[in-house]
Amino acid sequence: MATAPPPEPAVDSLASNLLKEKQSLEVDKIFRALVKLEGSDLHLKVGNPPIVRVSGTLKPLNRPPIDNEEMVRLLVPMMDARNRKIFEEDGGADFAYVVNVDGIDWRFRVNMLKQLGQIGLVARRVNNFIPPFQGLYLPESIETLCHYDQGMILLAGVTGSGKSTTIGSMLNYINSIYSKHILTLEDPIEFVFTEDKCLINQREIGEDVKDFEIGMKHAVREDPDIILVGEMRDQETFMTAIHAAETGHLVFGTIHASSAPTTIGRILDLFPEEMHGAIRSAIAFNMKGIVAQKLLKSIKPGVGRVPTVEIMTFTPMIQKIVLEGHDSKLPDAIRIGAAEGMQDFTMSLKSLIDQELIDRPTAFAVAPNKDALKMALKGIEVSQPGII
């Protein structure tokens, strides 16, 4: 008697059905247009046509404005039951979304939002290919930070400054040279890594694990060498991350701060003043480096944008300044730490101009100290006051 074939696993069947459903969504046509235009972001707002950001500039697609009825029809089917509940309760939801374009799956980081009572969307395209340092025009000293066995490395910058791409490049470099276990906790997952020499587990908050707190409790039992914890947005995240660094892990994270020195204050702002001494000590002895960056429009043919990068590594001098609370001395310490791989935005902007990657007006528009940049371009070094 012939044996009936086993039924298809419920999970595989569900995934298959979801994939078929997703592929038929009307909104995918707009996402495909973004990919073909090599855009970085998609904005959908009632009363406007779809708007894409290409090389830093917002441009409308050549089609009529989207009315409220069409917007609901386009966006609501993108959300599963969990995200729809979050959206209704919180007025917004973040999730990953995948669209197939010419046989290639493209990932997007989506924020579904409400404004003036109407539904809207902002989506960031995540590159499938994680470029090497050279492809990102990052300073060579970034590579040095990848060789630590433990500690914390933070990427600072505003939204859209390329922090996630830089971290992705750093982790991919580690993946190519070390045999380690990399564990990521992301909300949502952006880059999907291909294992080379490393074992890589990527967990998405809300999908693979209920929340960040539970994810980190699990993490200590999962034998990671390297942990990506995503954004440092509250006390709990930072304390959990710093504890992981103290117990022998290399921890990567991002934070919203405008420069490497101001990142110290940004972290302290998460805590009451009576805890600042202990937090300064934790930062001084566990932080290995803070990298701040901004993306600038490039003048080099074929290159859209390049990062201007500030690097502060935690040398004994930097540790001493942080411990003593003399944060105003950090910019000078960075400038005189060039031999140890440090650089400030002025040094970075001069380098980008010298490499003919950006023009002078672009550099001066973002320069924290325009006079210092003028002198640097003339070959005049700014004398450093005694900082210790």
Protein backbone atom coordinates (compact mmCIF):
# COMPACT_ATOMS: atom_id res chain seq x y z
CA MET A 1 0.00 0.00 0.00
CA ALA A 2 1.46 3.33 -1.05
CA THR A 3 2.20 5.81 1.68
CA ALA A 4 0.73 9.26 1.25
CA PRO A 5 3.33 12.01 1.04
CA PRO A 6 3.70 14.03 4.23
CA PRO A 7 1.70 17.25 4.31
CA GLU A 8 3.56 20.45 3.57
CA PRO A 9 4.78 22.02 6.83
CA ALA A 10 2.43 24.72 8.04
CA VAL A 11 5.23 27.30 8.32
CA ASP A 12 6.44 26.67 4.76
CA SER A 13 2.86 26.81 3.46
CA LEU A 14 2.21 30.07 5.27
CA ALA A 15 5.46 31.58 4.01
CA SER A 16 4.61 30.50 0.46
CA ASN A 17 1.15 32.04 0.67
CA LEU A 18 2.50 35.26 2.12
CA LEU A 19 5.10 35.47 -0.64
CA LYS A 20 2.46 35.02 -3.32
CA GLU A 21 0.28 37.63 -1.64
CA LYS A 22 3.15 40.10 -1.32
CA GLN A 23 4.21 39.71 -4.93
CA SER A 24 0.76 40.76 -6.07
CA LEU A 25 0.64 44.02 -4.11
CA GLU A 26 -0.07 47.12 -6.15
CA VAL A 27 2.44 49.25 -4.19
CA ASP A 28 5.33 47.08 -5.39
CA LYS A 29 5.25 48.93 -8.74
CA ILE A 30 6.29 52.12 -6.95
CA PHE A 31 9.07 50.36 -5.05
CA ARG A 32 10.37 48.92 -8.33
CA ALA A 33 10.47 52.42 -9.83
CA LEU A 34 12.60 53.56 -6.89
CA VAL A 35 15.06 50.70 -7.43
CA LYS A 36 15.34 51.37 -11.19
CA LEU A 37 16.03 55.06 -10.46
CA GLU A 38 18.69 54.01 -7.91
CA GLY A 39 16.90 56.05 -5.26
CA SER A 40 17.57 55.75 -1.55
CA ASP A 41 14.17 56.71 -0.07
CA LEU A 42 10.50 56.63 -1.00
CA HIS A 43 7.89 59.06 0.38
CA LEU A 44 4.18 58.44 -0.04
CA LYS A 45 1.86 61.25 1.14
CA VAL A 46 -1.77 61.89 0.33
CA GLY A 47 -2.11 64.75 -2.17
CA ASN A 48 1.36 64.23 -3.68
CA PRO A 49 2.72 61.85 -6.32
CA PRO A 50 5.27 59.34 -5.00
CA ILE A 51 8.51 61.15 -4.19
CA VAL A 52 11.94 59.50 -4.33
CA ARG A 53 15.30 60.67 -3.07
CA VAL A 54 18.05 60.20 -5.65
CA SER A 55 21.64 61.21 -4.76
CA GLY A 56 20.25 63.24 -1.86
CA THR A 57 17.63 65.17 -3.89
CA LEU A 58 13.84 64.65 -3.63
CA LYS A 59 12.12 64.11 -6.99
CA PRO A 60 8.44 63.36 -7.75
CA LEU A 61 7.57 60.40 -9.97
CA ASN A 62 5.76 61.20 -13.20
CA ARG A 63 2.25 60.16 -12.17
CA PRO A 64 -0.85 61.80 -10.60
CA PRO A 65 -1.06 62.59 -6.88
CA ILE A 66 -2.26 59.81 -4.57
CA ASP A 67 -5.64 60.41 -2.97
CA ASN A 68 -6.67 59.04 0.42
CA GLU A 69 -8.60 56.08 -0.98
CA GLU A 70 -5.69 54.95 -3.18
CA MET A 71 -3.22 55.39 -0.31
CA VAL A 72 -5.22 53.08 1.95
CA ARG A 73 -5.45 50.55 -0.87
CA LEU A 74 -1.69 50.72 -1.46
CA LEU A 75 -0.40 50.66 2.09
CA VAL A 76 -2.70 48.70 4.38
CA PRO A 77 -2.00 45.33 2.66
CA MET A 78 1.73 45.80 3.38
CA MET A 79 1.13 45.27 7.11
CA ASP A 80 0.68 41.89 8.75
CA ALA A 81 -1.64 41.50 11.75
CA ARG A 82 1.09 42.39 14.25
CA ASN A 83 2.18 45.58 12.49
CA ARG A 84 -1.41 46.61 11.83
CA LYS A 85 -2.12 46.37 15.56
CA ILE A 86 1.00 48.42 16.37
CA PHE A 87 0.03 50.98 13.73
CA GLU A 88 -3.47 51.39 15.12
CA GLU A 89 -2.28 51.64 18.73
CA ASP A 90 0.84 53.80 18.22
CA GLY A 91 -0.01 55.73 15.07
CA GLY A 92 3.01 54.26 13.28
CA ALA A 93 4.88 51.02 12.65
CA ASP A 94 8.40 50.05 11.54
CA PHE A 95 9.05 46.89 9.59
CA ALA A 96 11.14 45.37 6.81
CA TYR A 97 9.67 44.88 3.35
CA VAL A 98 11.00 42.89 0.39
CA VAL A 99 10.27 43.53 -3.29
CA ASN A 100 11.55 41.41 -6.16
CA VAL A 101 12.95 43.43 -9.06
CA ASP A 102 14.15 41.50 -12.11
CA GLY A 103 14.79 38.39 -10.04
CA ILE A 104 16.59 40.19 -7.20
CA ASP A 105 15.03 40.68 -3.75
CA TRP A 106 15.43 44.25 -2.50
CA ARG A 107 14.93 45.02 1.19
CA PHE A 108 13.38 48.21 2.51
CA ARG A 109 13.17 49.66 6.00
CA VAL A 110 9.61 50.96 6.18
CA ASN A 111 7.98 53.46 8.53
CA MET A 112 4.20 53.55 8.19
CA LEU A 113 2.81 56.75 9.69
CA LYS A 114 -0.22 58.93 10.18
CA GLN A 115 -0.22 62.66 9.51
CA LEU A 116 -3.27 64.93 9.62
CA GLY A 117 -5.33 61.77 10.11
CA GLN A 118 -4.12 60.21 6.85
CA ILE A 119 -1.88 57.21 6.29
CA GLY A 120 1.55 57.67 4.71
CA LEU A 121 4.87 55.90 4.26
CA VAL A 122 8.60 56.53 4.25
CA ALA A 123 10.84 53.68 3.09
CA ARG A 124 14.63 53.44 2.99
CA ARG A 125 16.19 51.11 0.41
CA VAL A 126 18.81 48.78 1.85
CA ASN A 127 21.54 47.82 -0.59
CA ASN A 128 21.77 44.08 -1.21
CA PHE A 129 25.49 44.43 -1.78
CA ILE A 130 27.50 45.47 1.27
CA PRO A 131 30.38 47.50 -0.17
CA PRO A 132 33.92 47.23 1.23
CA PHE A 133 35.56 50.17 2.99
CA GLN A 134 37.16 51.29 -0.26
CA GLY A 135 33.77 51.40 -1.99
CA LEU A 136 32.41 53.63 0.77
CA TYR A 137 35.41 56.01 0.80
CA LEU A 138 35.88 55.45 4.52
CA PRO A 139 39.16 56.24 6.31
CA GLU A 140 41.61 53.35 6.64
CA SER A 141 41.57 53.63 10.44
CA ILE A 142 37.97 52.30 10.43
CA GLU A 143 39.51 48.90 9.72
CA THR A 144 41.50 49.02 12.97
CA LEU A 145 38.30 49.10 15.01
CA CYS A 146 37.27 45.73 13.54
CA HIS A 147 40.15 43.88 15.19
CA TYR A 148 39.11 44.31 18.84
CA ASP A 149 38.00 41.25 20.79
CA GLN A 150 35.76 43.15 23.19
CA GLY A 151 34.43 46.61 23.94
CA MET A 152 31.93 48.94 22.29
CA ILE A 153 32.00 50.78 18.98
CA LEU A 154 29.35 53.40 18.22
CA LEU A 155 28.38 54.96 14.90
CA ALA A 156 26.95 58.45 15.39
CA GLY A 157 24.97 60.59 12.98
CA VAL A 158 21.53 61.77 12.00
CA THR A 159 19.01 59.62 10.14
CA GLY A 160 20.25 58.94 6.62
CA SER A 161 23.92 59.54 7.40
CA GLY A 162 24.97 56.04 6.37
CA LYS A 163 25.58 54.62 9.87
CA SER A 164 23.97 51.26 9.09
CA THR A 165 25.96 50.88 5.87
CA THR A 166 29.24 51.57 7.66
CA ILE A 167 28.44 49.03 10.38
CA GLY A 168 27.40 46.54 7.71
CA SER A 169 30.72 47.05 5.96
CA MET A 170 32.64 46.58 9.22
CA LEU A 171 30.79 43.38 10.14
CA ASN A 172 31.24 42.02 6.62
CA TYR A 173 34.97 42.69 6.86
CA ILE A 174 35.11 40.76 10.15
CA ASN A 175 33.10 38.00 8.45
CA SER A 176 35.78 37.75 5.75
CA ILE A 177 38.81 37.35 8.05
CA TYR A 178 37.72 35.89 11.41
CA SER A 179 35.95 32.72 12.51
CA LYS A 180 33.53 34.22 15.03
CA HIS A 181 29.84 34.16 15.95
CA ILE A 182 28.06 37.40 15.01
CA LEU A 183 24.62 37.95 16.54
CA THR A 184 22.44 40.88 15.52
CA LEU A 185 19.30 42.21 17.22
CA GLU A 186 17.62 44.59 14.80
CA ASP A 187 14.31 46.43 14.47
CA PRO A 188 13.97 45.76 11.59
CA ILE A 189 16.79 43.76 9.95
CA GLU A 190 18.46 45.84 7.26
CA PHE A 191 21.39 44.03 5.67
CA VAL A 192 21.14 40.25 5.33
CA PHE A 193 24.67 38.90 5.62
CA THR A 194 26.07 35.97 3.68
CA GLU A 195 28.22 33.80 5.91
CA ASP A 196 31.89 33.60 4.95
CA LYS A 197 34.18 32.68 7.84
CA CYS A 198 31.73 33.72 10.57
CA LEU A 199 28.59 32.09 11.89
CA ILE A 200 25.90 34.79 11.69
CA ASN A 201 22.49 34.83 13.38
CA GLN A 202 20.19 37.79 12.71
CA ARG A 203 17.13 38.25 14.94
CA GLU A 204 14.40 40.75 14.18
CA ILE A 205 12.56 42.31 17.11
CA GLY A 206 8.88 41.45 16.96
CA GLU A 207 9.40 38.67 14.43
CA ASP A 208 12.11 36.38 15.83
CA VAL A 209 12.01 37.58 19.43
CA LYS A 210 9.35 39.51 21.34
CA ASP A 211 11.42 42.53 22.36
CA PHE A 212 14.96 43.79 22.78
CA GLU A 213 15.16 42.97 26.50
CA ILE A 214 14.30 39.31 25.91
CA GLY A 215 16.62 39.22 22.89
CA MET A 216 19.57 40.34 25.00
CA LYS A 217 18.72 37.84 27.76
CA HIS A 218 18.85 35.13 25.11
CA ALA A 219 22.02 36.57 23.62
CA VAL A 220 24.20 35.81 26.64
CA ARG A 221 23.25 32.12 26.27
CA GLU A 222 23.97 32.05 22.53
CA ASP A 223 27.78 32.26 22.70
CA PRO A 224 28.25 35.39 20.56
CA ASP A 225 31.65 37.00 19.98
CA ILE A 226 30.14 40.09 18.36
CA ILE A 227 26.72 41.65 18.98
CA LEU A 228 24.97 44.33 16.94
CA VAL A 229 22.36 45.94 19.17
CA GLY A 230 21.02 48.60 16.83
CA GLU A 231 20.18 52.07 18.12
CA MET A 232 21.11 53.35 21.60
CA ARG A 233 17.80 55.03 22.30
CA ASP A 234 17.27 54.53 26.04
CA GLN A 235 18.90 53.60 29.36
CA GLU A 236 18.03 49.95 29.04
CA THR A 237 19.63 49.52 25.62
CA PHE A 238 22.86 51.27 26.61
CA MET A 239 23.22 49.48 29.95
CA THR A 240 22.57 46.10 28.35
CA ALA A 241 25.09 46.84 25.60
CA ILE A 242 27.78 48.13 27.95
CA HIS A 243 27.32 45.07 30.17
CA ALA A 244 27.85 42.85 27.13
CA ALA A 245 31.03 44.78 26.35
CA GLU A 246 32.23 44.39 29.95
CA THR A 247 31.71 40.63 29.83
CA GLY A 248 33.94 39.99 26.83
CA HIS A 249 31.90 40.80 23.72
CA LEU A 250 32.54 43.27 20.91
CA VAL A 251 29.37 45.37 20.68
CA PHE A 252 28.33 47.58 17.77
CA GLY A 253 25.56 50.17 17.97
CA THR A 254 24.30 53.45 16.53
CA ILE A 255 23.30 56.70 18.18
CA HIS A 256 21.80 59.99 17.05
CA ALA A 257 24.53 62.56 17.71
CA SER A 258 26.15 65.21 15.53
CA SER A 259 29.81 64.49 16.34
CA ALA A 260 32.04 62.05 18.21
CA PRO A 261 32.63 64.37 21.22
CA THR A 262 28.93 65.27 21.61
CA THR A 263 28.07 61.56 21.66
CA ILE A 264 29.34 61.47 25.27
CA GLY A 265 26.78 64.06 26.31
CA ARG A 266 24.08 62.32 24.28
CA ILE A 267 24.67 59.10 26.24
CA LEU A 268 24.72 60.93 29.57
CA ASP A 269 21.39 62.58 28.71
CA LEU A 270 19.81 59.12 28.90
CA PHE A 271 20.60 58.94 32.63
CA PRO A 272 19.90 61.00 35.78
CA GLU A 273 22.77 63.23 36.86
CA GLU A 274 23.62 61.11 39.91
CA MET A 275 24.57 58.27 37.56
CA HIS A 276 26.85 60.32 35.30
CA GLY A 277 30.05 59.44 37.15
CA ALA A 278 29.43 55.71 36.81
CA ILE A 279 28.41 56.07 33.16
CA ARG A 280 31.55 58.08 32.37
CA SER A 281 33.63 55.31 33.92
CA ALA A 282 31.79 52.66 31.90
CA ILE A 283 32.32 54.65 28.69
CA ALA A 284 36.00 55.36 29.36
CA PHE A 285 36.95 51.76 30.06
CA ASN A 286 34.71 49.95 27.56
CA MET A 287 34.34 52.22 24.54
CA LYS A 288 36.89 51.51 21.81
CA GLY A 289 35.80 54.10 19.32
CA ILE A 290 33.09 56.52 18.24
CA VAL A 291 32.67 57.21 14.53
CA ALA A 292 30.47 60.14 13.47
CA GLN A 293 29.57 60.71 9.85
CA LYS A 294 27.51 62.76 7.40
CA LEU A 295 26.78 62.02 3.74
CA LEU A 296 27.72 64.66 1.16
CA LYS A 297 26.97 64.98 -2.54
CA SER A 298 29.99 63.94 -4.58
CA ILE A 299 31.42 65.59 -7.70
CA LYS A 300 33.17 62.41 -8.85
CA PRO A 301 31.43 60.85 -11.87
CA GLY A 302 29.53 57.70 -10.94
CA VAL A 303 29.67 58.44 -7.20
CA GLY A 304 26.43 59.66 -5.62
CA ARG A 305 27.41 60.55 -2.06
CA VAL A 306 30.46 60.14 0.16
CA PRO A 307 30.79 60.28 3.95
CA THR A 308 32.69 62.88 5.88
CA VAL A 309 33.88 61.00 8.95
CA GLU A 310 35.06 61.92 12.45
CA ILE A 311 36.88 59.20 14.41
CA MET A 312 37.60 59.28 18.15
CA THR A 313 39.43 56.25 19.55
CA PHE A 314 39.72 55.73 23.28
CA THR A 315 43.39 56.31 23.88
CA PRO A 316 44.60 57.01 27.45
CA MET A 317 44.25 60.73 26.74
CA ILE A 318 40.62 60.41 25.61
CA GLN A 319 39.84 58.13 28.56
CA LYS A 320 41.28 60.68 31.01
CA ILE A 321 39.25 63.55 29.51
CA VAL A 322 36.01 61.55 29.62
CA LEU A 323 36.61 60.38 33.20
CA GLU A 324 37.31 63.93 34.38
CA GLY A 325 34.29 65.35 32.56
CA HIS A 326 36.31 67.80 30.45
CA ASP A 327 34.38 67.04 27.26
CA SER A 328 35.18 70.45 25.77
CA LYS A 329 38.78 69.26 25.38
CA LEU A 330 37.82 66.27 23.21
CA PRO A 331 37.91 68.11 19.83
CA ASP A 332 41.53 69.20 20.43
CA ALA A 333 42.45 65.70 21.60
CA ILE A 334 41.05 64.26 18.37
CA ARG A 335 43.12 66.69 16.27
CA ILE A 336 46.38 65.80 17.97
CA GLY A 337 45.54 62.09 17.82
CA ALA A 338 45.92 61.83 14.04
CA ALA A 339 48.94 59.53 14.40
CA GLU A 340 46.67 57.10 16.31
CA GLY A 341 44.02 57.02 13.59
CA MET A 342 41.82 59.87 14.82
CA GLN A 343 40.45 62.67 12.66
CA ASP A 344 37.90 65.45 12.99
CA PHE A 345 35.44 66.68 10.38
CA THR A 346 37.84 69.43 9.23
CA MET A 347 40.55 66.88 8.45
CA SER A 348 37.99 64.64 6.72
CA LEU A 349 36.58 67.45 4.57
CA LYS A 350 40.07 68.53 3.48
CA SER A 351 40.85 64.93 2.49
CA LEU A 352 37.63 64.65 0.44
CA ILE A 353 38.45 67.91 -1.36
CA ASP A 354 42.02 66.77 -2.03
CA GLN A 355 40.68 63.51 -3.49
CA GLU A 356 38.30 65.54 -5.70
CA LEU A 357 35.31 63.74 -4.21
CA ILE A 358 33.49 66.91 -3.08
CA ASP A 359 33.72 70.60 -3.99
CA ARG A 360 34.61 73.43 -1.66
CA PRO A 361 31.09 74.92 -1.36
CA THR A 362 29.78 71.53 -0.19
CA ALA A 363 32.58 71.25 2.37
CA PHE A 364 32.11 74.75 3.76
CA ALA A 365 28.34 74.29 4.00
CA VAL A 366 28.79 71.51 6.58
CA ALA A 367 32.13 72.47 8.15
CA PRO A 368 31.82 72.81 11.95
CA ASN A 369 34.66 75.35 11.89
CA LYS A 370 34.93 77.21 8.57
CA ASP A 371 38.06 79.14 9.61
CA ALA A 372 39.85 75.92 10.54
CA LEU A 373 38.92 74.42 7.16
CA LYS A 374 40.21 77.52 5.33
CA MET A 375 43.54 77.24 7.13
CA ALA A 376 43.74 73.48 6.55
CA LEU A 377 43.22 73.97 2.80
CA LYS A 378 46.04 76.52 2.82
CA GLY A 379 48.30 74.00 4.57
CA ILE A 380 48.27 75.86 7.87
CA GLU A 381 48.04 73.66 10.96
CA VAL A 382 46.02 75.01 13.86
CA SER A 383 48.17 75.21 16.98
CA GLN A 384 46.85 73.04 19.76
CA PRO A 385 46.48 74.40 23.30
CA GLY A 386 47.48 72.25 26.23
CA ILE A 387 44.57 69.94 26.85
CA ILE A 388 45.78 67.84 29.75
